[in-house]
C-alpha atoms as a PDB file:
ATOM      1  CA  MET A   1       1.110  -3.503  -8.252  1.00  0.00           C
ATOM      2  CA  ARG A   2      -2.598  -3.723  -7.530  1.00  0.00           C
ATOM      3  CA  ILE A   3      -4.493  -5.211  -4.633  1.00  0.00           C
ATOM      4  CA  GLU A   4      -8.284  -5.256  -4.776  1.00  0.00           C
ATOM      5  CA  PHE A   5     -10.488  -5.702  -1.720  1.00  0.00           C
ATOM      6  CA  THR A   6     -13.918  -4.608  -0.522  1.00  0.00           C
ATOM      7  CA  LEU A   7     -15.036  -2.599   2.460  1.00  0.00           C
ATOM      8  CA  GLY A   8     -18.676  -3.481   2.944  1.00  0.00           C
ATOM      9  CA  GLU A   9     -20.158  -2.876  -0.516  1.00  0.00           C
ATOM     10  CA  THR A  10     -17.407  -0.497  -1.658  1.00  0.00           C
ATOM     11  CA  PRO A  11     -14.707  -1.905  -3.945  1.00  0.00           C
ATOM     12  CA  ILE A  12     -11.263  -0.527  -3.107  1.00  0.00           C
ATOM     13  CA  GLU A  13      -8.018  -0.878  -5.012  1.00  0.00           C
ATOM     14  CA  PHE A  14      -4.519  -0.166  -3.710  1.00  0.00           C
ATOM     15  CA  ARG A  15      -2.102   0.772  -6.493  1.00  0.00           C
ATOM     16  CA  ARG A  16       1.638   1.360  -6.336  1.00  0.00           C
ATOM     17  CA  ASP A  17       3.929   2.160  -9.247  1.00  0.00           C
ATOM     18  CA  TRP A  18       7.256   0.369  -8.754  1.00  0.00           C
ATOM     19  CA  PHE A  19       9.145   2.892 -10.889  1.00  0.00           C
ATOM     20  CA  THR A  20       7.910   6.209  -9.461  1.00  0.00           C
ATOM     21  CA  GLY A  21       6.913   5.011  -5.996  1.00  0.00           C
ATOM     22  CA  ARG A  22       3.457   6.616  -6.225  1.00  0.00           C
ATOM     23  CA  ALA A  23       0.965   4.855  -3.939  1.00  0.00           C
ATOM     24  CA  GLU A  24      -2.762   5.512  -3.979  1.00  0.00           C
ATOM     25  CA  LEU A  25      -6.155   4.086  -3.113  1.00  0.00           C
ATOM     26  CA  LEU A  26      -9.002   4.030  -5.609  1.00  0.00           C
ATOM     27  CA  VAL A  27     -12.210   4.260  -3.580  1.00  0.00           C
ATOM     28  CA  GLY A  28     -15.466   4.260  -5.509  1.00  0.00           C
ATOM     29  CA  GLY A  29     -13.888   6.035  -8.494  1.00  0.00           C
ATOM     30  CA  HIS A  30     -12.024   8.621  -6.375  1.00  0.00           C
ATOM     31  CA  VAL A  31      -8.230   8.558  -6.118  1.00  0.00           C
ATOM     32  CA  VAL A  32      -6.738   9.033  -2.644  1.00  0.00           C
ATOM     33  CA  PRO A  33      -2.967   9.725  -2.814  1.00  0.00           C
ATOM     34  CA  LEU A  34      -0.904   7.953  -0.143  1.00  0.00           C
ATOM     35  CA  GLN A  35       2.653   8.613  -1.350  1.00  0.00           C
ATOM     36  CA  SER A  36       4.015  11.136  -3.822  1.00  0.00           C
ATOM     37  CA  PRO A  37       6.922  10.425  -6.169  1.00  0.00           C
ATOM     38  CA  PHE A  38       8.174  13.967  -5.426  1.00  0.00           C
ATOM     39  CA  ASP A  39       8.690  13.250  -1.703  1.00  0.00           C
ATOM     40  CA  PRO A  40      12.339  12.178  -1.074  1.00  0.00           C
ATOM     41  CA  ARG A  41      11.176   9.677   1.581  1.00  0.00           C
ATOM     42  CA  THR A  42       9.479   7.760  -1.228  1.00  0.00           C
ATOM     43  CA  HIS A  43      12.832   6.707  -2.662  1.00  0.00           C
ATOM     44  CA  PHE A  44      15.226   6.727   0.319  1.00  0.00           C
ATOM     45  CA  SER A  45      14.455   4.914   3.547  1.00  0.00           C
ATOM     46  CA  PHE A  46      16.298   2.543   5.857  1.00  0.00           C
ATOM     47  CA  ALA A  47      13.087   1.168   7.384  1.00  0.00           C
ATOM     48  CA  LEU A  48      12.141  -2.369   6.410  1.00  0.00           C
ATOM     49  CA  THR A  49       8.403  -1.703   6.779  1.00  0.00           C
ATOM     50  CA  ARG A  50       6.476   1.174   5.249  1.00  0.00           C
ATOM     51  CA  ILE A  51       2.952   1.868   6.506  1.00  0.00           C
ATOM     52  CA  TRP A  52       0.186   3.895   4.845  1.00  0.00           C
ATOM     53  CA  ARG A  53      -3.001   4.727   6.798  1.00  0.00           C
ATOM     54  CA  HIS A  54      -6.336   6.120   5.654  1.00  0.00           C
ATOM     55  CA  ARG A  55      -9.857   6.239   7.105  1.00  0.00           C
ATOM     56  CA  ILE A  56     -12.693   5.196   4.820  1.00  0.00           C
ATOM     57  CA  ALA A  57     -16.317   5.374   5.990  1.00  0.00           C
ATOM     58  CA  GLY A  58     -15.277   5.127   9.647  1.00  0.00           C
ATOM     59  CA  HIS A  59     -12.923   2.181   9.080  1.00  0.00           C
ATOM     60  CA  GLU A  60      -9.161   2.358   9.414  1.00  0.00           C
ATOM     61  CA  VAL A  61      -7.359   0.949   6.376  1.00  0.00           C
ATOM     62  CA  VAL A  62      -3.660   0.190   6.869  1.00  0.00           C
ATOM     63  CA  ILE A  63      -1.355  -0.974   4.088  1.00  0.00           C
ATOM     64  CA  GLU A  64       2.015  -2.414   5.131  1.00  0.00           C
ATOM     65  CA  LYS A  65       4.897  -3.067   2.747  1.00  0.00           C
ATOM     66  CA  THR A  66       7.719  -5.153   4.191  1.00  0.00           C
ATOM     67  CA  ARG A  67      10.938  -5.500   2.242  1.00  0.00           C
ATOM     68  CA  PRO A  68      13.839  -7.880   2.768  1.00  0.00           C
ATOM     69  CA  ARG A  69      17.024  -6.536   4.313  1.00  0.00           C
ATOM     70  CA  LEU A  70      19.416  -7.457   1.498  1.00  0.00           C
ATOM     71  CA  VAL A  71      19.064  -6.647  -2.234  1.00  0.00           C
ATOM     72  CA  ALA A  72      15.429  -5.624  -1.733  1.00  0.00           C
ATOM     73  CA  GLY A  73      15.093  -4.329  -5.288  1.00  0.00           C
ATOM     74  CA  PHE A  74      15.592  -7.835  -6.666  1.00  0.00           C
ATOM     75  CA  ARG A  75      13.451  -9.789  -4.179  1.00  0.00           C
ATOM     76  CA  SER A  76       9.736  -9.936  -3.555  1.00  0.00           C
ATOM     77  CA  GLN A  77       8.165  -7.686  -0.947  1.00  0.00           C
ATOM     78  CA  VAL A  78       5.124  -8.493   1.182  1.00  0.00           C
ATOM     79  CA  TYR A  79       2.094  -6.204   0.987  1.00  0.00           C
ATOM     80  CA  ARG A  80      -0.675  -6.581   3.603  1.00  0.00           C
ATOM     81  CA  VAL A  81      -3.966  -4.699   3.727  1.00  0.00           C
ATOM     82  CA  LEU A  82      -5.592  -4.492   7.132  1.00  0.00           C
ATOM     83  CA  VAL A  83      -9.101  -3.163   7.734  1.00  0.00           C
ATOM     84  CA  ASP A  84      -9.782  -2.378  11.395  1.00  0.00           C
ATOM     85  CA  GLY A  85      -6.812  -4.557  12.365  1.00  0.00           C
ATOM     86  CA  GLU A  86      -7.847  -7.648  10.383  1.00  0.00           C
ATOM     87  CA  VAL A  87      -6.069  -8.821   7.233  1.00  0.00           C
ATOM     88  CA  ALA A  88      -8.233  -8.126   4.159  1.00  0.00           C
ATOM     89  CA  ALA A  89      -5.632  -8.985   1.501  1.00  0.00           C
ATOM     90  CA  GLU A  90      -2.003 -10.015   1.215  1.00  0.00           C
ATOM     91  CA  ARG A  91       0.368 -10.346  -1.733  1.00  0.00           C
ATOM     92  CA  ASP A  92       4.049 -10.847  -2.510  1.00  0.00           C
ATOM     93  CA  TRP A  93       5.315  -8.567  -5.267  1.00  0.00           C
ATOM     94  CA  TYR A  94       8.508  -7.025  -6.588  1.00  0.00           C
END
């Protein structure tokens, strides 16, 4: 899963591996880890929404993943990227 967006002149890419659960931001060629596959909370959670936050050049970047309540592994999930509270990108993905 990849979502590309820009913050001013800086291209940013959010990446998440569906198999391992690793989530990271690629900011100007540097990788910023958001979620490790070795953290048990990556794979087991009852929450319907997962939120990752990171500050980039004085801006708050928030990525929200919302999953459906039933059979979430077989249905699309909504990913939203917010920069300073405004939606920068949105995508449905499995």
